[in-house]
PDB file of N, CA and C in Angstrom:
ATOM      1  N   UNK A   1     124.182 -51.615  55.503  1.00  0.00           N
ATOM      2  CA  UNK A   1     125.467 -51.915  54.911  1.00  0.00           C
ATOM      3  C   UNK A   1     126.470 -52.229  56.025  1.00  0.00           C
ATOM      4  N   UNK A   2     127.208 -53.288  55.867  1.00  0.00           N
ATOM      5  CA  UNK A   2     128.213 -53.695  56.838  1.00  0.00           C
ATOM      6  C   UNK A   2     129.456 -52.825  56.699  1.00  0.00           C
ATOM      7  N   UNK A   3     129.973 -52.370  57.830  1.00  0.00           N
ATOM      8  CA  UNK A   3     131.193 -51.560  57.815  1.00  0.00           C
ATOM      9  C   UNK A   3     132.405 -52.441  57.536  1.00  0.00           C
ATOM     10  N   UNK A   4     133.341 -51.893  56.796  1.00  0.00           N
ATOM     11  CA  UNK A   4     134.600 -52.602  56.579  1.00  0.00           C
ATOM     12  C   UNK A   4     135.374 -52.627  57.891  1.00  0.00           C
ATOM     13  N   UNK A   5     136.378 -53.479  57.945  1.00  0.00           N
ATOM     14  CA  UNK A   5     137.231 -53.566  59.128  1.00  0.00           C
ATOM     15  C   UNK A   5     138.674 -53.694  58.675  1.00  0.00           C
ATOM     16  N   UNK A   6     139.577 -53.446  59.606  1.00  0.00           N
ATOM     17  CA  UNK A   6     140.989 -53.369  59.254  1.00  0.00           C
ATOM     18  C   UNK A   6     141.863 -54.025  60.313  1.00  0.00           C
ATOM     19  N   UNK A   7     142.909 -54.670  59.847  1.00  0.00           N
ATOM     20  CA  UNK A   7     144.024 -55.014  60.722  1.00  0.00           C
ATOM     21  C   UNK A   7     144.973 -53.834  60.597  1.00  0.00           C
ATOM     22  N   UNK A   8     145.374 -53.275  61.709  1.00  0.00           N
ATOM     23  CA  UNK A   8     146.381 -52.220  61.711  1.00  0.00           C
ATOM     24  C   UNK A   8     147.548 -52.746  62.535  1.00  0.00           C
ATOM     25  N   UNK A   9     148.667 -52.962  61.876  1.00  0.00           N
ATOM     26  CA  UNK A   9     149.840 -53.529  62.537  1.00  0.00           C
ATOM     27  C   UNK A   9     150.983 -52.528  62.496  1.00  0.00           C
ATOM     28  N   UNK A  10     151.620 -52.362  63.636  1.00  0.00           N
ATOM     29  CA  UNK A  10     152.821 -51.540  63.743  1.00  0.00           C
ATOM     30  C   UNK A  10     153.970 -52.513  63.957  1.00  0.00           C
ATOM     31  N   UNK A  11     154.979 -52.424  63.101  1.00  0.00           N
ATOM     32  CA  UNK A  11     155.972 -53.491  62.977  1.00  0.00           C
ATOM     33  C   UNK A  11     157.401 -52.957  63.094  1.00  0.00           C
ATOM     34  N   UNK A  12     158.211 -53.677  63.860  1.00  0.00           N
ATOM     35  CA  UNK A  12     159.659 -53.497  63.863  1.00  0.00           C
ATOM     36  C   UNK A  12     160.256 -54.812  63.387  1.00  0.00           C
ATOM     37  N   UNK A  13     160.830 -54.816  62.203  1.00  0.00           N
ATOM     38  CA  UNK A  13     161.427 -56.034  61.653  1.00  0.00           C
ATOM     39  C   UNK A  13     162.756 -56.282  62.361  1.00  0.00           C
ATOM     40  N   UNK A  14     162.912 -57.494  62.902  1.00  0.00           N
ATOM     41  CA  UNK A  14     164.149 -57.865  63.596  1.00  0.00           C
ATOM     42  C   UNK A  14     164.997 -58.834  62.776  1.00  0.00           C
ATOM     43  N   UNK A  15     164.364 -59.545  61.855  1.00  0.00           N
ATOM     44  CA  UNK A  15     165.079 -60.460  60.954  1.00  0.00           C
ATOM     45  C   UNK A  15     164.406 -60.360  59.586  1.00  0.00           C
ATOM     46  N   UNK A  16     164.985 -59.590  58.672  1.00  0.00           N
ATOM     47  CA  UNK A  16     164.343 -59.359  57.378  1.00  0.00           C
ATOM     48  C   UNK A  16     164.028 -60.636  56.596  1.00  0.00           C
ATOM     49  N   UNK A  17     164.894 -61.631  56.653  1.00  0.00           N
ATOM     50  CA  UNK A  17     164.643 -62.863  55.906  1.00  0.00           C
ATOM     51  C   UNK A  17     163.448 -63.625  56.473  1.00  0.00           C
ATOM     52  N   UNK A  18     163.385 -63.741  57.800  1.00  0.00           N
ATOM     53  CA  UNK A  18     162.247 -64.435  58.416  1.00  0.00           C
ATOM     54  C   UNK A  18     160.947 -63.675  58.182  1.00  0.00           C
ATOM     55  N   UNK A  19     161.008 -62.348  58.263  1.00  0.00           N
ATOM     56  CA  UNK A  19     159.797 -61.563  58.059  1.00  0.00           C
ATOM     57  C   UNK A  19     159.327 -61.657  56.607  1.00  0.00           C
ATOM     58  N   UNK A  20     160.249 -61.666  55.669  1.00  0.00           N
ATOM     59  CA  UNK A  20     159.882 -61.833  54.258  1.00  0.00           C
ATOM     60  C   UNK A  20     159.239 -63.196  54.029  1.00  0.00           C
ATOM     61  N   UNK A  21     159.761 -64.220  54.674  1.00  0.00           N
ATOM     62  CA  UNK A  21     159.168 -65.557  54.556  1.00  0.00           C
ATOM     63  C   UNK A  21     157.765 -65.572  55.152  1.00  0.00           C
ATOM     64  N   UNK A  22     157.582 -64.890  56.269  1.00  0.00           N
ATOM     65  CA  UNK A  22     156.244 -64.776  56.874  1.00  0.00           C
ATOM     66  C   UNK A  22     155.285 -64.101  55.899  1.00  0.00           C
ATOM     67  N   UNK A  23     155.707 -63.003  55.302  1.00  0.00           N
ATOM     68  CA  UNK A  23     154.820 -62.286  54.381  1.00  0.00           C
ATOM     69  C   UNK A  23     154.395 -63.175  53.220  1.00  0.00           C
ATOM     70  N   UNK A  24     155.328 -63.954  52.696  1.00  0.00           N
ATOM     71  CA  UNK A  24     154.982 -64.875  51.600  1.00  0.00           C
ATOM     72  C   UNK A  24     153.995 -65.941  52.074  1.00  0.00           C
ATOM     73  N   UNK A  25     154.162 -66.422  53.286  1.00  0.00           N
ATOM     74  CA  UNK A  25     153.275 -67.458  53.824  1.00  0.00           C
ATOM     75  C   UNK A  25     151.909 -66.893  54.202  1.00  0.00           C
ATOM     76  N   UNK A  26     151.887 -65.672  54.727  1.00  0.00           N
ATOM     77  CA  UNK A  26     150.636 -65.087  55.215  1.00  0.00           C
ATOM     78  C   UNK A  26     149.740 -64.570  54.096  1.00  0.00           C
ATOM     79  N   UNK A  27     150.321 -64.127  53.001  1.00  0.00           N
ATOM     80  CA  UNK A  27     149.534 -63.503  51.931  1.00  0.00           C
ATOM     81  C   UNK A  27     148.380 -64.372  51.441  1.00  0.00           C
ATOM     82  N   UNK A  28     148.584 -65.666  51.156  1.00  0.00           N
ATOM     83  CA  UNK A  28     147.452 -66.481  50.703  1.00  0.00           C
ATOM     84  C   UNK A  28     146.358 -66.624  51.768  1.00  0.00           C
ATOM     85  N   UNK A  29     146.745 -66.709  53.035  1.00  0.00           N
ATOM     86  CA  UNK A  29     145.753 -66.825  54.111  1.00  0.00           C
ATOM     87  C   UNK A  29     144.935 -65.543  54.223  1.00  0.00           C
ATOM     88  N   UNK A  30     145.603 -64.411  54.095  1.00  0.00           N
ATOM     89  CA  UNK A  30     144.910 -63.121  54.173  1.00  0.00           C
ATOM     90  C   UNK A  30     143.958 -62.963  52.994  1.00  0.00           C
ATOM     91  N   UNK A  31     144.427 -63.266  51.796  1.00  0.00           N
ATOM     92  CA  UNK A  31     143.585 -63.161  50.603  1.00  0.00           C
ATOM     93  C   UNK A  31     142.387 -64.095  50.692  1.00  0.00           C
ATOM     94  N   UNK A  32     142.617 -65.327  51.117  1.00  0.00           N
ATOM     95  CA  UNK A  32     141.522 -66.296  51.248  1.00  0.00           C
ATOM     96  C   UNK A  32     140.494 -65.842  52.276  1.00  0.00           C
ATOM     97  N   UNK A  33     140.938 -65.069  53.266  1.00  0.00           N
ATOM     98  CA  UNK A  33     140.029 -64.560  54.292  1.00  0.00           C
ATOM     99  C   UNK A  33     139.325 -63.278  53.892  1.00  0.00           C
ATOM    100  N   UNK A  34     139.528 -62.828  52.660  1.00  0.00           N
ATOM    101  CA  UNK A  34     138.863 -61.622  52.174  1.00  0.00           C
ATOM    102  C   UNK A  34     139.668 -60.354  52.368  1.00  0.00           C
ATOM    103  N   UNK A  35     140.918 -60.473  52.818  1.00  0.00           N
ATOM    104  CA  UNK A  35     141.741 -59.304  53.094  1.00  0.00           C
ATOM    105  C   UNK A  35     142.437 -58.753  51.866  1.00  0.00           C
ATOM    106  N   UNK A  36     142.588 -57.430  51.858  1.00  0.00           N
ATOM    107  CA  UNK A  36     143.315 -56.722  50.811  1.00  0.00           C
ATOM    108  C   UNK A  36     144.315 -55.805  51.513  1.00  0.00           C
ATOM    109  N   UNK A  37     145.588 -55.958  51.207  1.00  0.00           N
ATOM    110  CA  UNK A  37     146.607 -55.111  51.829  1.00  0.00           C
ATOM    111  C   UNK A  37     146.501 -53.715  51.230  1.00  0.00           C
ATOM    112  N   UNK A  38     146.270 -52.725  52.090  1.00  0.00           N
ATOM    113  CA  UNK A  38     146.110 -51.336  51.650  1.00  0.00           C
ATOM    114  C   UNK A  38     147.346 -50.490  51.924  1.00  0.00           C
ATOM    115  N   UNK A  39     148.074 -50.809  52.990  1.00  0.00           N
ATOM    116  CA  UNK A  39     149.301 -50.089  53.335  1.00  0.00           C
ATOM    117  C   UNK A  39     150.331 -51.132  53.712  1.00  0.00           C
ATOM    118  N   UNK A  40     151.522 -51.012  53.129  1.00  0.00           N
ATOM    119  CA  UNK A  40     152.583 -51.964  53.436  1.00  0.00           C
ATOM    120  C   UNK A  40     153.905 -51.217  53.531  1.00  0.00           C
ATOM    121  N   UNK A  41     154.215 -50.770  54.739  1.00  0.00           N
ATOM    122  CA  UNK A  41     155.543 -50.232  55.042  1.00  0.00           C
ATOM    123  C   UNK A  41     155.933 -49.023  54.210  1.00  0.00           C
ATOM    124  N   UNK A  42     154.981 -48.180  53.858  1.00  0.00           N
ATOM    125  CA  UNK A  42     155.327 -46.953  53.160  1.00  0.00           C
ATOM    126  C   UNK A  42     155.954 -45.950  54.117  1.00  0.00           C
ATOM    127  N   UNK A  43     156.378 -44.829  53.571  1.00  0.00           N
ATOM    128  CA  UNK A  43     156.951 -43.778  54.415  1.00  0.00           C
ATOM    129  C   UNK A  43     155.891 -43.308  55.398  1.00  0.00           C
ATOM    130  N   UNK A  44     156.297 -43.077  56.629  1.00  0.00           N
ATOM    131  CA  UNK A  44     155.348 -42.598  57.626  1.00  0.00           C
ATOM    132  C   UNK A  44     155.971 -41.493  58.454  1.00  0.00           C
ATOM    133  N   UNK A  45     155.116 -40.648  59.006  1.00  0.00           N
ATOM    134  CA  UNK A  45     155.523 -39.552  59.868  1.00  0.00           C
ATOM    135  C   UNK A  45     154.837 -39.761  61.204  1.00  0.00           C
ATOM    136  N   UNK A  46     155.600 -39.787  62.275  1.00  0.00           N
ATOM    137  CA  UNK A  46     155.024 -39.967  63.603  1.00  0.00           C
ATOM    138  C   UNK A  46     154.503 -38.629  64.099  1.00  0.00           C
ATOM    139  N   UNK A  47     153.207 -38.574  64.381  1.00  0.00           N
ATOM    140  CA  UNK A  47     152.585 -37.353  64.878  1.00  0.00           C
ATOM    141  C   UNK A  47     152.628 -37.252  66.391  1.00  0.00           C
ATOM    142  N   UNK A  48     152.623 -38.397  67.074  1.00  0.00           N
ATOM    143  CA  UNK A  48     152.655 -38.415  68.539  1.00  0.00           C
ATOM    144  C   UNK A  48     153.089 -39.792  69.002  1.00  0.00           C
ATOM    145  N   UNK A  49     153.703 -39.846  70.156  1.00  0.00           N
ATOM    146  CA  UNK A  49     154.075 -41.131  70.744  1.00  0.00           C
ATOM    147  C   UNK A  49     155.285 -41.755  70.083  1.00  0.00           C
ATOM    148  N   UNK A  50     155.437 -43.035  70.334  1.00  0.00           N
ATOM    149  CA  UNK A  50     156.571 -43.803  69.817  1.00  0.00           C
ATOM    150  C   UNK A  50     156.057 -44.822  68.815  1.00  0.00           C
ATOM    151  N   UNK A  51     156.263 -44.554  67.553  1.00  0.00           N
ATOM    152  CA  UNK A  51     155.773 -45.452  66.509  1.00  0.00           C
ATOM    153  C   UNK A  51     156.851 -46.451  66.112  1.00  0.00           C
ATOM    154  N   UNK A  52     156.410 -47.623  65.700  1.00  0.00           N
ATOM    155  CA  UNK A  52     157.337 -48.594  65.115  1.00  0.00           C
ATOM    156  C   UNK A  52     157.660 -48.132  63.689  1.00  0.00           C
ATOM    157  N   UNK A  53     158.747 -48.632  63.110  1.00  0.00           N
ATOM    158  CA  UNK A  53     159.184 -48.154  61.793  1.00  0.00           C
ATOM    159  C   UNK A  53     158.234 -48.445  60.631  1.00  0.00           C
ATOM    160  N   UNK A  54     157.402 -49.489  60.733  1.00  0.00           N
ATOM    161  CA  UNK A  54     156.522 -49.847  59.620  1.00  0.00           C
ATOM    162  C   UNK A  54     155.080 -49.982  60.105  1.00  0.00           C
ATOM    163  N   UNK A  55     154.166 -49.636  59.211  1.00  0.00           N
ATOM    164  CA  UNK A  55     152.742 -49.832  59.466  1.00  0.00           C
ATOM    165  C   UNK A  55     152.169 -50.643  58.320  1.00  0.00           C
ATOM    166  N   UNK A  56     151.320 -51.605  58.662  1.00  0.00           N
ATOM    167  CA  UNK A  56     150.630 -52.425  57.667  1.00  0.00           C
ATOM    168  C   UNK A  56     149.136 -52.315  57.948  1.00  0.00           C
ATOM    169  N   UNK A  57     148.349 -52.052  56.911  1.00  0.00           N
ATOM    170  CA  UNK A  57     146.892 -51.989  57.040  1.00  0.00           C
ATOM    171  C   UNK A  57     146.289 -52.964  56.041  1.00  0.00           C
ATOM    172  N   UNK A  58     145.446 -53.862  56.547  1.00  0.00           N
ATOM    173  CA  UNK A  58     144.758 -54.836  55.700  1.00  0.00           C
ATOM    174  C   UNK A  58     143.264 -54.600  55.854  1.00  0.00           C
ATOM    175  N   UNK A  59     142.562 -54.431  54.736  1.00  0.00           N
ATOM    176  CA  UNK A  59     141.122 -54.169  54.735  1.00  0.00           C
ATOM    177  C   UNK A  59     140.346 -55.465  54.544  1.00  0.00           C
ATOM    178  N   UNK A  60     139.251 -55.593  55.288  1.00  0.00           N
ATOM    179  CA  UNK A  60     138.348 -56.739  55.178  1.00  0.00           C
ATOM    180  C   UNK A  60     136.928 -56.235  54.960  1.00  0.00           C
ATOM    181  N   UNK A  61     136.060 -57.071  54.392  1.00  0.00           N
ATOM    182  CA  UNK A  61     134.692 -56.631  54.127  1.00  0.00           C
ATOM    183  C   UNK A  61     133.858 -56.408  55.388  1.00  0.00           C
ATOM    184  N   UNK A  62     134.277 -56.976  56.529  1.00  0.00           N
ATOM    185  CA  UNK A  62     133.517 -56.818  57.773  1.00  0.00           C
ATOM    186  C   UNK A  62     134.411 -57.142  58.965  1.00  0.00           C
ATOM    187  N   UNK A  63     133.957 -56.749  60.141  1.00  0.00           N
ATOM    188  CA  UNK A  63     134.687 -57.083  61.364  1.00  0.00           C
ATOM    189  C   UNK A  63     134.726 -58.590  61.561  1.00  0.00           C
ATOM    190  N   UNK A  64     133.632 -59.259  61.252  1.00  0.00           N
ATOM    191  CA  UNK A  64     133.598 -60.717  61.388  1.00  0.00           C
ATOM    192  C   UNK A  64     134.631 -61.378  60.477  1.00  0.00           C
ATOM    193  N   UNK A  65     134.744 -60.895  59.241  1.00  0.00           N
ATOM    194  CA  UNK A  65     135.731 -61.462  58.310  1.00  0.00           C
ATOM    195  C   UNK A  65     137.151 -61.217  58.806  1.00  0.00           C
ATOM    196  N   UNK A  66     137.420 -60.021  59.327  1.00  0.00           N
ATOM    197  CA  UNK A  66     138.756 -59.700  59.840  1.00  0.00           C
ATOM    198  C   UNK A  66     139.104 -60.578  61.032  1.00  0.00           C
ATOM    199  N   UNK A  67     138.157 -60.738  61.924  1.00  0.00           N
ATOM    200  CA  UNK A  67     138.364 -61.563  63.120  1.00  0.00           C
ATOM    201  C   UNK A  67     138.542 -63.030  62.734  1.00  0.00           C
ATOM    202  N   UNK A  68     137.680 -63.521  61.854  1.00  0.00           N
ATOM    203  CA  UNK A  68     137.742 -64.924  61.436  1.00  0.00           C
ATOM    204  C   UNK A  68     139.068 -65.232  60.752  1.00  0.00           C
ATOM    205  N   UNK A  69     139.535 -64.329  59.903  1.00  0.00           N
ATOM    206  CA  UNK A  69     140.809 -64.546  59.221  1.00  0.00           C
ATOM    207  C   UNK A  69     141.960 -64.558  60.221  1.00  0.00           C
ATOM    208  N   UNK A  70     141.998 -63.572  61.105  1.00  0.00           N
ATOM    209  CA  UNK A  70     143.123 -63.480  62.038  1.00  0.00           C
ATOM    210  C   UNK A  70     143.207 -64.700  62.947  1.00  0.00           C
ATOM    211  N   UNK A  71     142.089 -65.110  63.497  1.00  0.00           N
ATOM    212  CA  UNK A  71     142.098 -66.218  64.450  1.00  0.00           C
ATOM    213  C   UNK A  71     141.937 -67.581  63.784  1.00  0.00           C
ATOM    214  N   UNK A  72     141.802 -67.580  62.455  1.00  0.00           N
ATOM    215  CA  UNK A  72     141.641 -68.827  61.718  1.00  0.00           C
ATOM    216  C   UNK A  72     142.928 -69.627  61.625  1.00  0.00           C
ATOM    217  N   UNK A  73     142.759 -70.891  61.340  1.00  0.00           N
ATOM    218  CA  UNK A  73     143.881 -71.835  61.289  1.00  0.00           C
ATOM    219  C   UNK A  73     144.949 -71.430  60.270  1.00  0.00           C
ATOM    220  N   UNK A  74     144.527 -70.979  59.094  1.00  0.00           N
ATOM    221  CA  UNK A  74     145.493 -70.667  58.032  1.00  0.00           C
ATOM    222  C   UNK A  74     146.417 -69.521  58.436  1.00  0.00           C
ATOM    223  N   UNK A  75     145.847 -68.427  58.958  1.00  0.00           N
ATOM    224  CA  UNK A  75     146.707 -67.311  59.350  1.00  0.00           C
ATOM    225  C   UNK A  75     147.493 -67.637  60.612  1.00  0.00           C
ATOM    226  N   UNK A  76     146.856 -68.263  61.579  1.00  0.00           N
ATOM    227  CA  UNK A  76     147.554 -68.585  62.829  1.00  0.00           C
ATOM    228  C   UNK A  76     148.765 -69.482  62.592  1.00  0.00           C
ATOM    229  N   UNK A  77     148.739 -70.260  61.520  1.00  0.00           N
ATOM    230  CA  UNK A  77     149.887 -71.108  61.181  1.00  0.00           C
ATOM    231  C   UNK A  77     151.118 -70.280  60.812  1.00  0.00           C
ATOM    232  N   UNK A  78     150.941 -68.985  60.522  1.00  0.00           N
ATOM    233  CA  UNK A  78     152.060 -68.118  60.141  1.00  0.00           C
ATOM    234  C   UNK A  78     152.554 -67.232  61.279  1.00  0.00           C
ATOM    235  N   UNK A  79     151.832 -67.184  62.380  1.00  0.00           N
ATOM    236  CA  UNK A  79     152.123 -66.232  63.453  1.00  0.00           C
ATOM    237  C   UNK A  79     153.487 -66.473  64.106  1.00  0.00           C
ATOM    238  N   UNK A  80     153.854 -67.717  64.346  1.00  0.00           N
ATOM    239  CA  UNK A  80     155.159 -67.990  64.966  1.00  0.00           C
ATOM    240  C   UNK A  80     156.290 -67.476  64.077  1.00  0.00           C
ATOM    241  N   UNK A  81     156.134 -67.626  62.774  1.00  0.00           N
ATOM    242  CA  UNK A  81     157.143 -67.133  61.836  1.00  0.00           C
ATOM    243  C   UNK A  81     157.189 -65.605  61.868  1.00  0.00           C
ATOM    244  N   UNK A  82     156.017 -64.976  61.922  1.00  0.00           N
ATOM    245  CA  UNK A  82     155.956 -63.511  62.027  1.00  0.00           C
ATOM    246  C   UNK A  82     156.690 -63.040  63.274  1.00  0.00           C
ATOM    247  N   UNK A  83     156.378 -63.680  64.396  1.00  0.00           N
ATOM    248  CA  UNK A  83     156.958 -63.256  65.668  1.00  0.00           C
ATOM    249  C   UNK A  83     158.453 -63.541  65.762  1.00  0.00           C
ATOM    250  N   UNK A  84     158.943 -64.493  64.980  1.00  0.00           N
ATOM    251  CA  UNK A  84     160.383 -64.762  64.945  1.00  0.00           C
ATOM    252  C   UNK A  84     161.132 -63.699  64.141  1.00  0.00           C
ATOM    253  N   UNK A  85     160.426 -63.030  63.239  1.00  0.00           N
ATOM    254  CA  UNK A  85     161.071 -62.054  62.373  1.00  0.00           C
ATOM    255  C   UNK A  85     160.752 -60.605  62.663  1.00  0.00           C
ATOM    256  N   UNK A  86     159.825 -60.366  63.623  1.00  0.00           N
ATOM    257  CA  UNK A  86     159.427 -58.983  63.883  1.00  0.00           C
ATOM    258  C   UNK A  86     158.748 -58.856  65.239  1.00  0.00           C
ATOM    259  N   UNK A  87     158.766 -57.638  65.746  1.00  0.00           N
ATOM    260  CA  UNK A  87     157.948 -57.274  66.902  1.00  0.00           C
ATOM    261  C   UNK A  87     156.725 -56.570  66.332  1.00  0.00           C
ATOM    262  N   UNK A  88     155.537 -57.018  66.725  1.00  0.00           N
ATOM    263  CA  UNK A  88     154.311 -56.533  66.100  1.00  0.00           C
ATOM    264  C   UNK A  88     153.275 -56.170  67.155  1.00  0.00           C
ATOM    265  N   UNK A  89     152.661 -55.005  66.985  1.00  0.00           N
ATOM    266  CA  UNK A  89     151.456 -54.626  67.722  1.00  0.00           C
ATOM    267  C   UNK A  89     150.353 -54.592  66.679  1.00  0.00           C
ATOM    268  N   UNK A  90     149.268 -55.327  66.895  1.00  0.00           N
ATOM    269  CA  UNK A  90     148.212 -55.421  65.889  1.00  0.00           C
ATOM    270  C   UNK A  90     146.858 -55.278  66.556  1.00  0.00           C
ATOM    271  N   UNK A  91     146.010 -54.443  65.957  1.00  0.00           N
ATOM    272  CA  UNK A  91     144.625 -54.320  66.401  1.00  0.00           C
ATOM    273  C   UNK A  91     143.715 -54.590  65.214  1.00  0.00           C
ATOM    274  N   UNK A  92     142.526 -55.059  65.512  1.00  0.00           N
ATOM    275  CA  UNK A  92     141.482 -55.249  64.506  1.00  0.00           C
ATOM    276  C   UNK A  92     140.418 -54.205  64.817  1.00  0.00           C
ATOM    277  N   UNK A  93     140.146 -53.328  63.859  1.00  0.00           N
ATOM    278  CA  UNK A  93     139.217 -52.228  64.104  1.00  0.00           C
ATOM    279  C   UNK A  93     138.119 -52.201  63.054  1.00  0.00           C
ATOM    280  N   UNK A  94     136.936 -51.832  63.490  1.00  0.00           N
ATOM    281  CA  UNK A  94     135.810 -51.656  62.584  1.00  0.00           C
ATOM    282  C   UNK A  94     135.850 -50.231  62.045  1.00  0.00           C
ATOM    283  N   UNK A  95     135.661 -50.092  60.759  1.00  0.00           N
ATOM    284  CA  UNK A  95     135.743 -48.786  60.112  1.00  0.00           C
ATOM    285  C   UNK A  95     134.424 -48.044  60.125  1.00  0.00           C
ATOM    286  N   UNK A  96     133.964 -47.661  61.298  1.00  0.00           N
ATOM    287  CA  UNK A  96     132.691 -46.960  61.445  1.00  0.00           C
ATOM    288  C   UNK A  96     132.951 -45.460  61.470  1.00  0.00           C
ATOM    289  N   UNK A  97     132.254 -44.728  60.625  1.00  0.00           N
ATOM    290  CA  UNK A  97     132.382 -43.276  60.606  1.00  0.00           C
ATOM    291  C   UNK A  97     131.377 -42.674  61.581  1.00  0.00           C
ATOM    292  N   UNK A  98     131.784 -41.642  62.330  1.00  0.00           N
ATOM    293  CA  UNK A  98     130.835 -41.004  63.246  1.00  0.00           C
ATOM    294  C   UNK A  98     129.719 -40.329  62.462  1.00  0.00           C
ATOM    295  N   UNK A  99     128.534 -40.350  63.045  1.00  0.00           N
ATOM    296  CA  UNK A  99     127.400 -39.713  62.343  1.00  0.00           C
ATOM    297  C   UNK A  99     127.137 -38.335  62.869  1.00  0.00           C
TER     298      UNK A  99
END
């Protein structure tokens, strides 16, 4: 069975209107790439370190799907808009449980 994978983004919105426009533009690309948004800016508690105000988690059926979607033409077409409206740290992680 293939492990699911996730985009985990820590976000500081700098321009709410631009970031909202990015979200509207990115959603179809993410969905087409097999992504499902699981966490979108809910309340969070920082346990350690310096966290950004928002966290976004997008689930994909596999690491390959997550990677292909992120680096694909459709999503990359939205990145400049994202970066104009927010500061973002994003990692793509495979959801492997320790045995």
